[in-house]
Amino acid sequence: MMFKRSQSVGSKRCWAACAGAAMLLGLGAAPARAENFFWLDQRGSTSGPGITSSIFLTNDNVATVDAFLSGQAVKAVKIETPLSQQTVNAIFNKYNIDYTFLDYEGANAVAQVTATVQQIRSTGLTGTALAAGRSYVSNFAFSPAGMDPSKPAGLTGIGSAGFAATGLNMVSDDLYPGSPFYKSPASGDSTAPNIRSALFTQPLTRLSMTSASLPAGVKAVPYVNRFNNWANTALDSDHDSSNGYQFVTSNQLPSRGDFQAQLLHYRLRGASGFHGLDGGVVGYTPEQFQQDITTGWNGTPQFAPLFAAPDAQIATLDTRVKTDGVSKSIESAGVVFSGMYSLSLNKLSLLLSNMDESAHILTLPTRIGGKTLGGDFRLEAGSHEILQYGGTGTQWSLIDIAPAFVSSDADRGGVGVPEPTALAGFGAAMMLLRRRQRA
């Protein structure tokens, strides 16, 4: 086994923004309905098993969107440019659009989002559902979180007041490992032990901040990717953006197994579903990408009963951990744990990840869900493990320790890019040079 359990007990600490997170989230049952989406739908790509189909809506394709939505049980549209009220009425009055993903960016984004939400709210069918919390609208990277330690200095979001003013009721964070909107050892502003640990823990920090800030009735359906270094010269190996952004590495990319584990962490930290971008690794197909999203979302057998339990609750939103006897941010430690529990089932499952290149001793909190826990566990370098507990009186008792996602592709070498399809030829050559990196 990769863990060795001792009898010492540690304490739990959290960023101030996470205080009272359980009350903010309501941390009750997982949503009755949750879907995963794919951004490239209807752009020459189609959705696979476990992915809900969606379509782009413009002023010029109303008839096409109408025909598409007529055959969809769950109706989802994506909007990149402002629409006329006539277009909005034609679609949102005819159908209850379950999910609307806005993608306005730039100086006018807040005004464009607010105006589009008002257009939707004015429709009879979707507008009524939106007011009743049966329809959801988000805009890319708009979050109510007031603080986000994963961001480089000087970058701020719209905050809780700005989010509320837009009328949105869904948050779609940009969980893109490699983005310049995250701190990284490559850019010299991160305390992470290595690049790959920052790629893993920084998006988790961002989602945790959002989850701790979610108003009642607001869903979190973040945009996810295995890697995306668009406009990030720090993670461009030749630092020459004129030939594209290419992060060439033998061991610092998240593997497919890492990505699946990261997705499960997202779910265990409040995500109601995912919206996948394009994968971001040369040779990594859209089909593999969608498969990994579904695998990570479904989790492992240890979590299946908890996902189905009506009283399932998130175990933690902490962005600090105690490793090797020292309290650190998950960014600095390269170590994170997430989990879910059910008091009716008397079950608790934890997912532990160590993306550092050294082993660490993780001290678990003394209590979760009102029951005592504690214990020190050795996490080997680059590993993901699951701890399964049963509830006995006021205690959680350890039942099993099992490695997680080890059957998935564990290759941490390759070429990370913003758009893999643009470098298909380059990728074919690089695939021959990839070196297997297993923990």
Protein backbone atom coordinates (compact mmCIF):
# COMPACT_ATOMS: atom_id res chain seq x y z
CA MET A 1 0.00 0.00 0.00
CA MET A 2 1.14 3.52 -0.73
CA PHE A 3 -0.17 4.84 2.60
CA LYS A 4 1.08 4.05 6.06
CA ARG A 5 -1.32 4.98 8.82
CA SER A 6 -0.13 6.25 12.19
CA GLN A 7 -2.17 7.13 15.24
CA SER A 8 -1.46 10.85 15.54
CA VAL A 9 -4.27 13.33 15.00
CA GLY A 10 -4.01 16.75 13.37
CA SER A 11 -6.16 19.84 13.13
CA LYS A 12 -8.03 21.47 10.27
CA ARG A 13 -7.47 25.03 9.12
CA CYS A 14 -9.08 26.92 6.28
CA TRP A 15 -8.86 30.18 4.39
CA ALA A 16 -11.13 32.76 6.00
CA ALA A 17 -13.35 32.76 2.91
CA CYS A 18 -14.20 29.11 3.55
CA ALA A 19 -15.43 29.68 7.09
CA GLY A 20 -19.04 28.63 7.32
CA ALA A 21 -18.89 27.15 3.83
CA ALA A 22 -21.17 24.31 4.79
CA MET A 23 -23.92 26.76 5.68
CA LEU A 24 -23.36 28.83 2.53
CA LEU A 25 -23.58 25.81 0.28
CA GLY A 26 -26.39 24.15 2.12
CA LEU A 27 -24.23 21.04 1.53
CA GLY A 28 -27.21 18.80 1.14
CA ALA A 29 -27.89 16.20 -1.50
CA ALA A 30 -26.24 16.45 -4.87
CA PRO A 31 -28.53 18.07 -7.46
CA ALA A 32 -31.19 15.68 -8.76
CA ARG A 33 -30.14 16.53 -12.30
CA ALA A 34 -26.62 17.34 -13.39
CA GLU A 35 -25.16 17.35 -16.87
CA ASN A 36 -21.75 17.61 -18.47
CA PHE A 37 -21.27 19.60 -21.67
CA PHE A 38 -18.74 20.01 -24.50
CA TRP A 39 -17.87 23.46 -25.87
CA LEU A 40 -17.07 22.22 -29.39
CA ASP A 41 -20.52 20.73 -29.96
CA GLN A 42 -21.91 21.80 -33.34
CA ARG A 43 -18.46 22.98 -34.49
CA GLY A 44 -17.50 19.85 -36.32
CA SER A 45 -17.52 17.86 -33.07
CA THR A 46 -20.28 15.90 -31.43
CA SER A 47 -20.92 14.84 -27.88
CA GLY A 48 -20.29 11.30 -26.70
CA PRO A 49 -21.75 9.15 -23.91
CA GLY A 50 -22.15 11.05 -20.67
CA ILE A 51 -22.11 14.43 -22.42
CA THR A 52 -25.27 16.50 -22.92
CA SER A 53 -25.51 17.95 -26.43
CA SER A 54 -25.65 21.72 -26.79
CA ILE A 55 -25.66 24.24 -29.62
CA PHE A 56 -24.54 27.82 -30.38
CA LEU A 57 -27.32 30.34 -30.92
CA THR A 58 -26.91 33.40 -33.15
CA ASN A 59 -29.28 35.77 -34.93
CA ASP A 60 -28.63 33.85 -38.14
CA ASN A 61 -29.33 30.23 -37.15
CA VAL A 62 -32.67 30.29 -35.32
CA ALA A 63 -34.25 27.63 -37.55
CA THR A 64 -31.27 25.29 -37.07
CA VAL A 65 -31.30 25.73 -33.30
CA ASP A 66 -35.08 25.25 -33.21
CA ALA A 67 -34.78 21.94 -35.06
CA PHE A 68 -31.92 20.81 -32.83
CA LEU A 69 -33.67 21.63 -29.54
CA SER A 70 -36.87 19.88 -30.60
CA GLY A 71 -35.09 16.55 -30.26
CA GLN A 72 -33.27 17.22 -26.97
CA ALA A 73 -34.58 16.16 -23.57
CA VAL A 74 -32.20 18.57 -21.81
CA LYS A 75 -31.96 21.81 -23.74
CA ALA A 76 -28.73 23.80 -23.64
CA VAL A 77 -27.50 26.71 -25.75
CA LYS A 78 -24.26 28.71 -25.93
CA ILE A 79 -24.21 32.41 -26.79
CA GLU A 80 -21.09 34.31 -27.83
CA THR A 81 -22.55 37.46 -29.39
CA PRO A 82 -25.49 39.70 -28.39
CA LEU A 83 -28.88 38.58 -29.71
CA SER A 84 -31.93 40.49 -30.85
CA GLN A 85 -35.03 40.20 -28.70
CA GLN A 86 -36.70 38.54 -31.68
CA THR A 87 -34.13 35.73 -31.63
CA VAL A 88 -34.41 35.34 -27.86
CA ASN A 89 -38.20 35.18 -28.04
CA ALA A 90 -38.15 32.63 -30.85
CA ILE A 91 -36.11 30.16 -28.80
CA PHE A 92 -36.65 30.97 -25.13
CA ASN A 93 -40.42 31.43 -25.51
CA LYS A 94 -40.83 28.17 -27.41
CA TYR A 95 -38.61 26.02 -25.19
CA ASN A 96 -37.61 26.01 -21.57
CA ILE A 97 -33.85 26.26 -22.05
CA ASP A 98 -32.39 24.36 -19.11
CA TYR A 99 -28.85 25.72 -19.45
CA THR A 100 -27.62 28.88 -21.16
CA PHE A 101 -23.87 29.43 -21.29
CA LEU A 102 -22.93 33.01 -22.13
CA ASP A 103 -19.41 33.77 -23.29
CA TYR A 104 -19.00 37.54 -23.19
CA GLU A 105 -15.49 38.79 -22.47
CA GLY A 106 -13.84 42.19 -22.51
CA ALA A 107 -14.72 45.68 -21.30
CA ASN A 108 -18.44 45.40 -22.14
CA ALA A 109 -18.93 41.91 -20.74
CA VAL A 110 -20.87 42.87 -17.60
CA ALA A 111 -23.28 45.08 -19.55
CA GLN A 112 -23.76 42.43 -22.26
CA VAL A 113 -24.40 39.70 -19.70
CA THR A 114 -26.89 41.82 -17.78
CA ALA A 115 -28.75 42.76 -20.96
CA THR A 116 -28.95 39.15 -22.20
CA VAL A 117 -30.19 37.87 -18.83
CA GLN A 118 -32.89 40.55 -18.90
CA GLN A 119 -33.90 39.47 -22.40
CA ILE A 120 -34.23 35.86 -21.23
CA ARG A 121 -36.12 36.83 -18.08
CA SER A 122 -38.65 38.71 -20.19
CA THR A 123 -39.67 35.53 -22.04
CA GLY A 124 -42.69 33.64 -20.83
CA LEU A 125 -41.40 30.08 -20.77
CA THR A 126 -37.69 30.18 -19.92
CA GLY A 127 -38.08 33.46 -18.03
CA THR A 128 -40.62 31.89 -15.69
CA ALA A 129 -38.42 28.82 -15.21
CA LEU A 130 -35.39 31.01 -14.54
CA ALA A 131 -37.28 32.91 -11.83
CA ALA A 132 -38.34 29.60 -10.29
CA GLY A 133 -34.81 28.14 -10.29
CA ARG A 134 -35.59 25.57 -12.99
CA SER A 135 -33.42 27.16 -15.66
CA TYR A 136 -29.81 28.30 -15.35
CA VAL A 137 -27.68 30.99 -16.99
CA SER A 138 -23.94 31.61 -16.53
CA ASN A 139 -21.19 33.61 -18.14
CA PHE A 140 -17.64 32.39 -18.55
CA ALA A 141 -15.48 33.16 -15.47
CA PHE A 142 -18.12 35.27 -13.69
CA SER A 143 -18.05 34.26 -10.02
CA PRO A 144 -19.37 35.70 -6.74
CA ALA A 145 -16.13 34.77 -4.93
CA GLY A 146 -14.67 37.77 -3.14
CA MET A 147 -11.13 36.42 -2.94
CA ASP A 148 -9.14 34.02 -5.05
CA PRO A 149 -5.55 33.24 -3.99
CA SER A 150 -4.99 31.28 -7.22
CA LYS A 151 -4.98 34.49 -9.28
CA PRO A 152 -1.85 36.51 -10.08
CA ALA A 153 -1.51 39.83 -8.26
CA GLY A 154 -3.73 42.56 -9.62
CA LEU A 155 -6.40 40.31 -11.11
CA THR A 156 -9.86 40.58 -9.57
CA GLY A 157 -13.30 39.25 -10.39
CA ILE A 158 -16.70 40.89 -10.36
CA GLY A 159 -17.41 39.82 -6.75
CA SER A 160 -20.69 38.96 -5.07
CA ALA A 161 -22.38 42.33 -5.70
CA GLY A 162 -21.42 42.38 -9.36
CA PHE A 163 -22.53 38.78 -9.83
CA ALA A 164 -25.90 39.44 -8.20
CA ALA A 165 -26.44 42.53 -10.36
CA THR A 166 -26.10 40.52 -13.58
CA GLY A 167 -29.02 38.24 -12.64
CA LEU A 168 -27.02 35.07 -13.30
CA ASN A 169 -27.89 31.95 -11.31
CA MET A 170 -25.07 29.64 -12.42
CA VAL A 171 -21.29 30.01 -12.07
CA SER A 172 -18.96 28.78 -14.82
CA ASP A 173 -15.45 29.23 -13.47
CA ASP A 174 -12.47 28.97 -15.80
CA LEU A 175 -10.74 25.88 -14.43
CA TYR A 176 -8.03 25.81 -17.10
CA PRO A 177 -4.68 24.47 -15.82
CA GLY A 178 -1.96 26.41 -17.62
CA SER A 179 -3.94 29.61 -18.01
CA PRO A 180 -2.09 32.90 -17.36
CA PHE A 181 -4.92 33.69 -14.93
CA TYR A 182 -3.34 31.28 -12.43
CA LYS A 183 -0.14 31.69 -10.46
CA SER A 184 2.57 29.20 -11.41
CA PRO A 185 6.20 28.37 -10.63
CA ALA A 186 6.80 28.96 -14.35
CA SER A 187 5.85 32.62 -13.94
CA GLY A 188 7.66 32.95 -10.60
CA ASP A 189 4.64 33.90 -8.51
CA SER A 190 3.61 30.55 -7.01
CA THR A 191 4.78 28.63 -3.96
CA ALA A 192 3.84 25.29 -5.56
CA PRO A 193 6.58 22.63 -5.41
CA ASN A 194 6.42 22.04 -9.17
CA ILE A 195 4.47 23.05 -12.25
CA ARG A 196 2.19 20.02 -12.39
CA SER A 197 1.09 20.45 -8.76
CA ALA A 198 0.14 24.06 -9.49
CA LEU A 199 -1.81 22.90 -12.56
CA PHE A 200 -3.70 20.52 -10.26
CA THR A 201 -4.28 22.52 -7.07
CA GLN A 202 -4.84 26.07 -8.35
CA PRO A 203 -8.14 25.34 -10.15
CA LEU A 204 -9.27 23.45 -7.03
CA THR A 205 -8.56 26.54 -4.95
CA ARG A 206 -10.61 28.67 -7.33
CA LEU A 207 -13.59 26.32 -7.29
CA SER A 208 -13.44 26.06 -3.50
CA MET A 209 -13.60 29.85 -3.20
CA THR A 210 -16.60 29.91 -5.54
CA SER A 211 -18.39 27.07 -3.73
CA ALA A 212 -17.94 28.85 -0.41
CA SER A 213 -19.53 31.96 -1.94
CA LEU A 214 -22.48 30.44 -3.82
CA PRO A 215 -25.82 32.10 -3.05
CA ALA A 216 -28.73 29.74 -2.40
CA GLY A 217 -30.07 28.15 -5.56
CA VAL A 218 -26.99 28.95 -7.67
CA LYS A 219 -25.27 26.07 -9.47
CA ALA A 220 -21.59 25.67 -10.28
CA VAL A 221 -20.90 24.23 -13.75
CA PRO A 222 -17.27 25.19 -14.43
CA TYR A 223 -15.37 25.05 -17.71
CA VAL A 224 -12.70 22.37 -17.43
CA ASN A 225 -9.70 21.31 -19.44
CA ARG A 226 -6.74 19.04 -18.97
CA PHE A 227 -4.45 21.91 -20.05
CA ASN A 228 -4.76 25.29 -21.75
CA ASN A 229 -1.80 27.69 -21.98
CA TRP A 230 -3.36 30.21 -24.36
CA ALA A 231 -1.48 33.54 -24.10
CA ASN A 232 0.75 32.18 -21.31
CA THR A 233 4.33 32.76 -22.45
CA ALA A 234 5.62 31.41 -19.12
CA LEU A 235 4.31 27.98 -20.13
CA ASP A 236 5.43 28.27 -23.76
CA SER A 237 8.65 26.27 -23.97
CA ASP A 238 10.36 28.48 -26.56
CA HIS A 239 8.71 31.69 -25.26
CA ASP A 240 7.80 32.58 -28.84
CA SER A 241 4.08 33.13 -29.24
CA SER A 242 4.40 33.65 -33.01
CA ASN A 243 4.55 29.88 -33.54
CA GLY A 244 1.82 29.09 -31.02
CA TYR A 245 1.93 28.12 -27.38
CA GLN A 246 3.58 24.74 -26.82
CA PHE A 247 4.49 23.41 -23.40
CA VAL A 248 6.87 20.51 -24.07
CA THR A 249 7.66 18.41 -21.00
CA SER A 250 8.61 14.91 -19.94
CA ASN A 251 6.79 14.88 -16.61
CA GLN A 252 4.93 18.11 -15.78
CA LEU A 253 1.63 17.68 -17.64
CA PRO A 254 -1.36 16.25 -15.77
CA SER A 255 -1.90 12.69 -16.99
CA ARG A 256 -5.31 11.41 -17.99
CA GLY A 257 -5.51 9.76 -14.59
CA ASP A 258 -4.59 13.04 -12.90
CA PHE A 259 -7.29 14.84 -14.89
CA GLN A 260 -9.91 12.27 -13.88
CA ALA A 261 -8.89 12.63 -10.22
CA GLN A 262 -9.03 16.42 -10.52
CA LEU A 263 -12.55 16.20 -11.95
CA LEU A 264 -13.68 14.05 -9.03
CA HIS A 265 -12.17 16.61 -6.64
CA TYR A 266 -14.22 19.27 -8.46
CA ARG A 267 -17.42 17.31 -7.90
CA LEU A 268 -16.52 16.73 -4.26
CA ARG A 269 -16.00 20.49 -3.89
CA GLY A 270 -19.35 21.64 -5.24
CA ALA A 271 -19.40 21.31 -9.03
CA SER A 272 -22.88 20.40 -10.33
CA GLY A 273 -21.47 19.38 -13.72
CA PHE A 274 -18.69 20.30 -16.13
CA HIS A 275 -18.32 22.10 -19.45
CA GLY A 276 -15.31 20.69 -21.29
CA LEU A 277 -13.22 22.78 -23.69
CA ASP A 278 -10.92 20.81 -26.01
CA GLY A 279 -8.46 18.71 -23.98
CA GLY A 280 -5.34 20.79 -24.53
CA VAL A 281 -2.79 18.02 -25.15
CA VAL A 282 -1.44 17.00 -28.55
CA GLY A 283 -2.64 13.51 -29.47
CA TYR A 284 -5.42 13.62 -26.89
CA THR A 285 -8.64 13.10 -28.83
CA PRO A 286 -12.01 14.74 -28.16
CA GLU A 287 -13.39 11.26 -27.51
CA GLN A 288 -10.76 10.57 -24.85
CA PHE A 289 -11.37 14.00 -23.34
CA GLN A 290 -15.11 13.44 -23.06
CA GLN A 291 -14.53 9.94 -21.71
CA ASP A 292 -12.28 11.33 -18.97
CA ILE A 293 -14.87 13.96 -18.03
CA THR A 294 -17.48 11.23 -17.63
CA THR A 295 -15.10 8.93 -15.73
CA GLY A 296 -14.07 11.66 -13.31
CA TRP A 297 -17.68 12.78 -12.80
CA ASN A 298 -18.88 9.25 -12.07
CA GLY A 299 -16.06 8.76 -9.60
CA THR A 300 -15.07 5.42 -8.11
CA PRO A 301 -17.19 2.67 -6.53
CA GLN A 302 -16.44 4.06 -3.07
CA PHE A 303 -18.34 7.25 -3.94
CA ALA A 304 -21.29 5.77 -5.85
CA PRO A 305 -23.53 5.20 -2.77
CA LEU A 306 -22.75 8.70 -1.51
CA PHE A 307 -23.64 10.35 -4.81
CA ALA A 308 -27.03 8.63 -4.59
CA ALA A 309 -27.67 9.40 -0.92
CA PRO A 310 -30.30 12.11 -0.30
CA ASP A 311 -28.35 13.50 2.67
CA ALA A 312 -24.88 13.39 1.05
CA GLN A 313 -22.72 16.32 2.10
CA ILE A 314 -19.38 17.75 1.04
CA ALA A 315 -16.68 16.87 3.56
CA THR A 316 -14.46 19.94 3.13
CA LEU A 317 -13.78 23.10 1.15
CA ASP A 318 -10.49 23.72 2.93
CA THR A 319 -7.70 25.21 0.85
CA ARG A 320 -5.14 24.48 3.57
CA VAL A 321 -3.75 21.13 4.63
CA LYS A 322 -1.29 19.91 7.26
CA THR A 323 1.57 18.04 5.63
CA ASP A 324 4.75 16.84 7.36
CA GLY A 325 3.53 18.58 10.51
CA VAL A 326 3.16 22.03 8.90
CA SER A 327 -0.04 23.84 7.86
CA LYS A 328 0.19 25.00 4.24
CA SER A 329 -2.03 26.07 1.40
CA ILE A 330 -2.81 23.23 -0.98
CA GLU A 331 -0.85 25.23 -3.55
CA SER A 332 2.31 25.19 -1.40
CA ALA A 333 1.88 21.57 -0.32
CA GLY A 334 0.98 20.11 -3.71
CA VAL A 335 -1.39 17.95 -1.66
CA VAL A 336 -5.18 18.10 -1.44
CA PHE A 337 -7.99 15.97 -0.07
CA SER A 338 -11.72 16.16 -0.77
CA GLY A 339 -14.61 13.96 0.23
CA MET A 340 -18.27 13.28 0.79
CA TYR A 341 -20.22 11.67 3.62
CA SER A 342 -23.71 10.50 4.50
CA LEU A 343 -24.87 10.16 8.08
CA SER A 344 -27.83 8.01 7.03
CA LEU A 345 -25.46 5.56 5.34
CA ASN A 346 -22.74 6.03 7.96
CA LYS A 347 -20.22 6.34 5.14
CA LEU A 348 -17.35 8.73 4.45
CA SER A 349 -15.02 8.55 1.44
CA LEU A 350 -12.00 10.78 0.91
CA LEU A 351 -9.91 11.31 -2.22
CA LEU A 352 -6.28 12.21 -1.44
CA SER A 353 -3.86 13.51 -4.09
CA ASN A 354 -0.16 14.33 -3.97
CA MET A 355 1.12 16.01 -7.14
CA ASP A 356 4.56 16.76 -5.70
CA GLU A 357 7.61 14.73 -6.68
CA SER A 358 8.22 13.79 -3.04
CA ALA A 359 6.15 11.76 -0.58
CA HIS A 360 4.33 13.63 2.18
CA ILE A 361 2.58 12.82 5.44
CA LEU A 362 -0.95 14.26 5.40
CA THR A 363 -2.70 14.87 8.71
CA LEU A 364 -6.47 14.67 8.39
CA PRO A 365 -8.83 16.94 10.36
CA THR A 366 -10.02 15.84 13.76
CA ARG A 367 -13.71 15.95 12.82
CA ILE A 368 -15.86 15.68 9.70
CA GLY A 369 -19.65 15.70 9.78
CA GLY A 370 -19.73 15.81 13.58
CA LYS A 371 -17.75 12.58 13.95
CA THR A 372 -14.12 12.28 15.02
CA LEU A 373 -11.58 11.33 12.38
CA GLY A 374 -7.88 12.19 12.46
CA GLY A 375 -4.87 10.19 11.43
CA ASP A 376 -1.64 10.63 9.50
CA PHE A 377 -1.26 9.09 6.04
CA ARG A 378 1.78 8.76 3.85
CA LEU A 379 1.05 9.87 0.30
CA GLU A 380 3.59 8.73 -2.25
CA ALA A 381 4.77 11.15 -4.92
CA GLY A 382 2.31 11.66 -7.76
CA SER A 383 -0.34 9.40 -6.24
CA HIS A 384 -4.12 9.46 -5.77
CA GLU A 385 -5.66 7.35 -3.01
CA ILE A 386 -9.13 6.79 -1.57
CA LEU A 387 -9.85 6.27 2.11
CA GLN A 388 -13.18 4.68 2.97
CA TYR A 389 -14.73 4.95 6.42
CA GLY A 390 -17.74 3.61 8.25
CA GLY A 391 -19.51 5.50 11.01
CA THR A 392 -19.47 3.95 14.48
CA GLY A 393 -21.15 6.08 17.11
CA THR A 394 -19.33 9.40 17.13
CA GLN A 395 -16.34 8.13 15.16
CA TRP A 396 -15.34 7.40 11.59
CA SER A 397 -13.51 4.07 11.40
CA LEU A 398 -11.16 3.34 8.52
CA ILE A 399 -12.39 0.42 6.40
CA ASP A 400 -10.22 0.46 3.31
CA ILE A 401 -7.39 2.26 1.51
CA ALA A 402 -7.22 1.94 -2.26
CA PRO A 403 -5.23 3.56 -5.08
CA ALA A 404 -7.38 5.58 -7.49
CA PHE A 405 -7.24 6.14 -11.26
CA VAL A 406 -4.13 3.98 -11.63
CA SER A 407 -5.71 2.08 -14.53
CA SER A 408 -5.88 5.30 -16.58
CA ASP A 409 -3.10 6.65 -18.76
CA ALA A 410 -0.45 7.89 -16.32
CA ASP A 411 1.77 9.62 -18.89
CA ARG A 412 2.78 13.08 -17.64
CA GLY A 413 4.92 13.89 -20.67
CA GLY A 414 3.89 15.43 -23.96
CA VAL A 415 2.94 18.74 -25.50
CA GLY A 416 0.34 20.96 -23.90
CA VAL A 417 -1.33 23.48 -26.20
CA PRO A 418 -4.46 25.66 -26.36
CA GLU A 419 -5.80 23.92 -29.50
CA PRO A 420 -4.52 20.37 -30.07
CA THR A 421 -6.04 19.99 -33.55
CA ALA A 422 -3.93 22.89 -34.83
CA LEU A 423 -0.75 20.95 -34.07
CA ALA A 424 -1.72 17.47 -35.24
CA GLY A 425 1.40 17.00 -37.36
CA PHE A 426 3.68 18.31 -34.65
CA GLY A 427 1.95 16.04 -32.17
CA ALA A 428 2.52 12.90 -34.24
CA ALA A 429 6.27 13.47 -34.06
CA MET A 430 6.23 14.35 -30.38
CA MET A 431 4.25 11.24 -29.47
CA LEU A 432 7.33 9.19 -30.41
CA LEU A 433 9.39 11.13 -27.88
CA ARG A 434 7.00 10.93 -24.97
CA ARG A 435 8.42 9.29 -21.90
CA ARG A 436 6.25 7.39 -19.48
CA GLN A 437 6.17 8.98 -16.04
CA ARG A 438 4.53 6.89 -13.36
CA ALA A 439 4.50 7.56 -9.66
